[in-house]
């Protein structure tokens, strides 16, 4: 038989049976986490958009500078092109002037013009460019006496000037046109001797050969013509062609 206590019943007058005590688990305290200013700042920076924004700004600045450099390069190239074009135009003007001068010198002179002398017996020397321009003007007018005077004065007064070789060359041309072959030879030899790298050197060599031929020294003329043909291809093709034709005529006239 079960007892009343075991059956869950108790006798009248008795209190309910006490339940066995249940032990509670010990409470474990969690360590408190304190936030520090450095930690907060690091966390804030990791989420801040300042770094990407700075990179974008730098990239924008670099692109702007690259664009400016490209524009400057374009401007420089344009200026270089303009300078090159102006140089070619200036060179063409000189070539045209030389051709016109040669045409004038090859035409017969109508009348000889006496050499002019200053009234006071003295001459004032003009600036180099003006003196040279005067000489060219006298050649155009076929006033060869005054042209020679101006050219000789230029050569003596401005021997280091950029136009010094031109002055000697045109003096030789005038002397050749006037059939003063020895004087022409002297002037052309001065060009090739004193200014061997000048753009008038090839023409002076050719005209030197012509002067020797007209003075009667055909052997020397042929020698110089062969020199022109050998020395100036690619430098002065026009002088080479003239030398080839002149040499062919001399060879054919044997």
Protein backbone atom coordinates (compact mmCIF):
# COMPACT_ATOMS: atom_id res chain seq x y z
CA UNK A 1 0.00 0.00 0.00
CA UNK A 2 1.05 3.50 -0.70
CA UNK A 3 1.13 5.95 2.11
CA UNK A 4 -0.90 9.08 1.88
CA UNK A 5 2.24 11.08 1.49
CA UNK A 6 3.35 8.92 -1.31
CA UNK A 7 -0.10 9.08 -2.92
CA UNK A 8 -0.02 12.85 -2.88
CA UNK A 9 -2.66 13.15 -0.27
CA UNK A 10 -2.16 14.37 3.22
CA UNK A 11 -4.15 13.96 6.27
CA UNK A 12 -6.60 16.54 7.43
CA UNK A 13 -4.88 19.07 9.59
CA UNK A 14 -1.56 18.71 7.91
CA UNK A 15 -0.10 21.24 5.50
CA UNK A 16 0.90 20.39 2.01
CA UNK A 17 4.01 18.44 1.68
CA UNK A 18 7.05 20.57 1.12
CA UNK A 19 8.64 20.29 -2.31
CA UNK A 20 12.34 19.67 -2.50
CA UNK A 21 14.39 22.87 -2.89
CA UNK A 22 15.89 23.52 -6.33
CA UNK A 23 19.34 25.05 -6.31
CA UNK A 24 19.70 28.08 -8.64
CA UNK A 25 22.74 28.35 -10.91
CA UNK A 26 25.30 30.88 -9.83
CA UNK A 27 25.05 34.21 -11.64
CA UNK A 28 28.16 34.96 -13.66
CA UNK A 29 28.78 38.66 -14.04
CA UNK A 30 29.73 39.85 -17.58
CA UNK A 31 32.77 42.09 -17.83
CA UNK A 32 31.81 45.61 -18.76
CA UNK A 33 33.22 46.99 -22.02
CA UNK A 34 34.29 50.60 -21.82
CA UNK A 35 34.46 52.68 -24.99
CA UNK A 36 37.58 54.77 -25.50
CA UNK A 37 37.90 57.97 -27.57
CA UNK A 38 40.51 56.36 -29.84
CA UNK A 39 38.31 53.41 -30.50
CA UNK A 40 35.36 55.60 -31.27
CA UNK A 41 37.43 57.73 -33.67
CA UNK A 42 38.79 54.66 -35.46
CA UNK A 43 35.33 53.29 -35.89
CA UNK A 44 34.04 56.61 -37.12
CA UNK A 45 36.88 56.97 -39.63
CA UNK A 46 36.27 53.51 -41.01
CA UNK A 47 32.77 54.58 -41.89
CA UNK A 48 33.57 58.19 -42.91
CA UNK A 49 33.32 59.09 -46.66
CA UNK A 50 36.22 61.63 -46.42
CA UNK A 51 38.86 59.27 -47.89
CA UNK A 52 36.98 58.38 -51.13
CA UNK A 53 36.03 62.03 -51.57
CA UNK A 54 39.70 63.10 -51.40
CA UNK A 55 40.69 60.53 -54.03
CA UNK A 56 37.98 61.75 -56.39
CA UNK A 57 39.15 65.33 -55.93
CA UNK A 58 42.77 64.39 -56.69
CA UNK A 59 41.74 62.47 -59.82
CA UNK A 60 39.74 65.47 -60.99
CA UNK A 61 42.74 67.75 -60.49
CA UNK A 62 45.03 65.37 -62.42
CA UNK A 63 42.58 65.16 -65.31
CA UNK A 64 42.31 68.95 -65.42
CA UNK A 65 46.10 69.32 -65.49
CA UNK A 66 46.38 66.73 -68.26
CA UNK A 67 43.81 68.65 -70.28
CA UNK A 68 45.75 71.90 -69.80
CA UNK A 69 49.00 70.21 -70.87
CA UNK A 70 47.30 68.84 -73.99
CA UNK A 71 45.99 72.30 -74.85
CA UNK A 72 49.44 73.85 -74.33
CA UNK A 73 51.02 71.23 -76.58
CA UNK A 74 48.46 72.00 -79.24
CA UNK A 75 49.24 75.71 -78.97
CA UNK A 76 52.99 75.07 -79.25
CA UNK A 77 52.52 72.86 -82.30
CA UNK A 78 50.34 75.52 -83.92
CA UNK A 79 52.93 78.23 -83.25
CA UNK A 80 55.73 76.03 -84.61
CA UNK A 81 53.69 75.44 -87.76
CA UNK A 82 53.14 79.18 -88.20
CA UNK A 83 56.86 79.90 -87.71
CA UNK A 84 57.80 77.22 -90.23
CA UNK A 85 55.31 78.63 -92.73
CA UNK A 86 56.65 82.17 -92.27
CA UNK A 87 60.21 80.93 -92.73
CA UNK A 88 59.25 79.21 -95.97
CA UNK A 89 57.48 82.34 -97.18
CA UNK A 90 60.51 84.47 -96.34
CA UNK A 91 62.81 82.04 -98.13
CA UNK A 92 60.54 82.08 -101.17
CA UNK A 93 60.63 85.89 -101.21
CA UNK A 94 64.42 85.82 -101.24
CA UNK A 95 64.40 83.26 -104.06
CA UNK A 96 61.97 85.38 -106.05
CA UNK A 97 64.12 88.45 -105.47
CA UNK A 98 67.23 86.59 -106.59
CA UNK A 99 65.46 85.40 -109.73
CA UNK A 100 64.29 88.90 -110.58
CA UNK A 101 67.77 90.27 -110.02
CA UNK A 102 69.24 87.60 -112.28
CA UNK A 103 66.69 88.43 -114.98
CA UNK A 104 67.59 92.10 -114.77
CA UNK A 105 71.28 91.39 -114.97
CA UNK A 106 70.88 89.08 -117.96
CA UNK A 107 69.06 91.76 -119.97
CA UNK A 108 71.15 94.32 -121.90
CA UNK A 109 71.89 97.68 -120.34
CA UNK A 110 70.53 100.61 -122.31
CA UNK A 111 72.97 103.19 -121.08
CA UNK A 112 75.88 103.35 -118.74
CA UNK A 113 75.32 105.40 -115.63
CA UNK A 114 78.30 107.29 -114.27
CA UNK A 115 79.42 106.51 -110.76
CA UNK A 116 77.91 108.94 -108.30
CA UNK A 117 80.05 110.77 -105.79
CA UNK A 118 78.79 112.74 -102.81
CA UNK A 119 78.89 116.51 -103.25
CA UNK A 120 80.89 117.04 -100.06
CA UNK A 121 83.39 114.30 -100.87
CA UNK A 122 82.19 112.16 -97.96
CA UNK A 123 79.57 109.48 -97.72
CA UNK A 124 77.56 108.66 -94.64
CA UNK A 125 77.27 104.92 -94.06
CA UNK A 126 73.69 103.72 -93.80
CA UNK A 127 72.53 100.88 -91.56
CA UNK A 128 73.23 97.46 -93.06
CA UNK A 129 69.67 96.66 -94.13
CA UNK A 130 69.18 100.08 -95.74
CA UNK A 131 72.51 99.89 -97.53
CA UNK A 132 71.71 96.45 -98.93
CA UNK A 133 68.21 97.55 -99.94
CA UNK A 134 69.68 100.53 -101.79
CA UNK A 135 72.03 98.25 -103.70
CA UNK A 136 69.16 95.99 -104.75
CA UNK A 137 67.15 99.03 -105.79
CA UNK A 138 70.00 100.26 -108.01
CA UNK A 139 70.25 96.82 -109.63
CA UNK A 140 66.53 96.90 -110.43
CA UNK A 141 67.04 100.29 -112.06
CA UNK A 142 70.12 98.91 -113.89
CA UNK A 143 72.20 101.57 -112.22
CA UNK A 144 75.05 99.12 -111.90
CA UNK A 145 77.69 101.68 -111.00
CA UNK A 146 75.81 102.80 -107.90
CA UNK A 147 74.85 99.23 -107.11
CA UNK A 148 78.52 98.21 -107.07
CA UNK A 149 79.36 101.19 -104.92
CA UNK A 150 76.74 100.21 -102.34
CA UNK A 151 77.63 96.51 -102.43
CA UNK A 152 81.35 97.12 -102.02
CA UNK A 153 80.66 99.52 -99.16
CA UNK A 154 78.43 96.94 -97.52
CA UNK A 155 81.08 94.21 -97.79
CA UNK A 156 83.74 96.45 -96.25
CA UNK A 157 81.55 97.94 -93.52
CA UNK A 158 79.58 94.85 -92.48
CA UNK A 159 81.79 91.82 -93.21
CA UNK A 160 80.15 89.74 -90.46
CA UNK A 161 76.57 90.60 -91.34
CA UNK A 162 74.17 87.84 -92.38
CA UNK A 163 73.86 89.48 -95.82
CA UNK A 164 77.61 89.86 -96.36
CA UNK A 165 77.76 86.78 -98.61
CA UNK A 166 74.76 88.05 -100.58
CA UNK A 167 76.47 91.40 -101.12
CA UNK A 168 79.60 89.69 -102.46
CA UNK A 169 77.52 87.43 -104.69
CA UNK A 170 75.53 90.27 -106.26
CA UNK A 171 78.68 92.29 -106.73
CA UNK A 172 80.05 89.33 -108.69
CA UNK A 173 76.84 89.09 -110.71
CA UNK A 174 77.04 92.76 -111.67
CA UNK A 175 80.71 92.45 -112.61
CA UNK A 176 79.90 89.40 -114.73
CA UNK A 177 77.06 91.25 -116.46
CA UNK A 178 79.46 94.11 -117.15
CA UNK A 179 82.00 91.61 -118.59
CA UNK A 180 84.50 92.38 -115.84
CA UNK A 181 85.39 88.71 -115.56
CA UNK A 182 88.45 89.04 -113.33
CA UNK A 183 86.50 91.13 -110.81
CA UNK A 184 83.59 88.70 -110.98
CA UNK A 185 85.95 85.79 -110.27
CA UNK A 186 87.32 87.68 -107.28
CA UNK A 187 83.86 88.23 -105.78
CA UNK A 188 82.61 84.68 -106.34
CA UNK A 189 85.81 83.24 -104.89
CA UNK A 190 85.29 85.46 -101.85
CA UNK A 191 81.85 83.92 -101.31
CA UNK A 192 82.98 80.29 -101.52
CA UNK A 193 86.14 81.02 -99.53
CA UNK A 194 84.66 83.11 -96.72
CA UNK A 195 81.14 81.65 -96.61
CA UNK A 196 81.40 77.99 -97.72
CA UNK A 197 78.22 76.96 -95.89
CA UNK A 198 76.09 79.87 -97.08
CA UNK A 199 73.14 79.21 -99.37
CA UNK A 200 74.88 81.35 -102.01
CA UNK A 201 77.97 79.13 -102.08
CA UNK A 202 76.56 76.74 -104.70
CA UNK A 203 75.41 79.57 -106.99
CA UNK A 204 78.75 81.32 -106.51
CA UNK A 205 80.61 78.16 -107.51
CA UNK A 206 78.50 77.88 -110.65
CA UNK A 207 78.93 81.55 -111.58
CA UNK A 208 82.65 81.21 -110.88
CA UNK A 209 82.79 78.50 -113.56
CA UNK A 210 80.86 80.73 -115.96
CA UNK A 211 83.25 83.62 -115.28
CA UNK A 212 86.29 81.42 -115.95
CA UNK A 213 84.76 80.14 -119.17
CA UNK A 214 83.96 83.63 -120.45
CA UNK A 215 87.44 84.78 -119.53
CA UNK A 216 88.83 82.01 -121.76
CA UNK A 217 89.82 79.45 -119.12
CA UNK A 218 87.52 76.61 -120.17
CA UNK A 219 89.59 73.94 -118.43
CA UNK A 220 89.15 75.65 -115.07
CA UNK A 221 85.47 76.18 -115.81
CA UNK A 222 84.92 72.46 -116.43
CA UNK A 223 86.77 71.59 -113.25
CA UNK A 224 84.51 73.82 -111.16
CA UNK A 225 81.34 72.62 -112.91
CA UNK A 226 82.22 69.02 -112.05
CA UNK A 227 82.79 70.12 -108.46
CA UNK A 228 79.32 71.68 -108.33
CA UNK A 229 77.73 68.51 -109.72
CA UNK A 230 79.53 66.37 -107.15
CA UNK A 231 79.26 68.62 -104.10
CA UNK A 232 75.77 70.11 -104.13
CA UNK A 233 73.16 67.41 -104.90
CA UNK A 234 70.39 67.74 -102.33
CA UNK A 235 71.81 71.08 -101.21
CA UNK A 236 71.21 73.18 -104.31
CA UNK A 237 69.64 71.07 -107.03
CA UNK A 238 69.09 74.12 -109.22
CA UNK A 239 72.82 74.89 -109.26
CA UNK A 240 73.55 71.23 -110.05
CA UNK A 241 71.16 71.24 -113.01
CA UNK A 242 72.65 74.47 -114.36
CA UNK A 243 76.16 73.05 -114.00
CA UNK A 244 75.18 69.84 -115.79
CA UNK A 245 73.70 71.73 -118.74
CA UNK A 246 76.62 74.15 -118.96
CA UNK A 247 79.16 71.31 -118.80
CA UNK A 248 77.25 69.42 -121.50
CA UNK A 249 77.46 72.47 -123.79
CA UNK A 250 81.18 72.81 -123.16
CA UNK A 251 81.77 69.13 -123.86
CA UNK A 252 79.69 69.31 -127.04
CA UNK A 253 81.65 72.30 -128.33
CA UNK A 254 85.00 70.46 -128.40
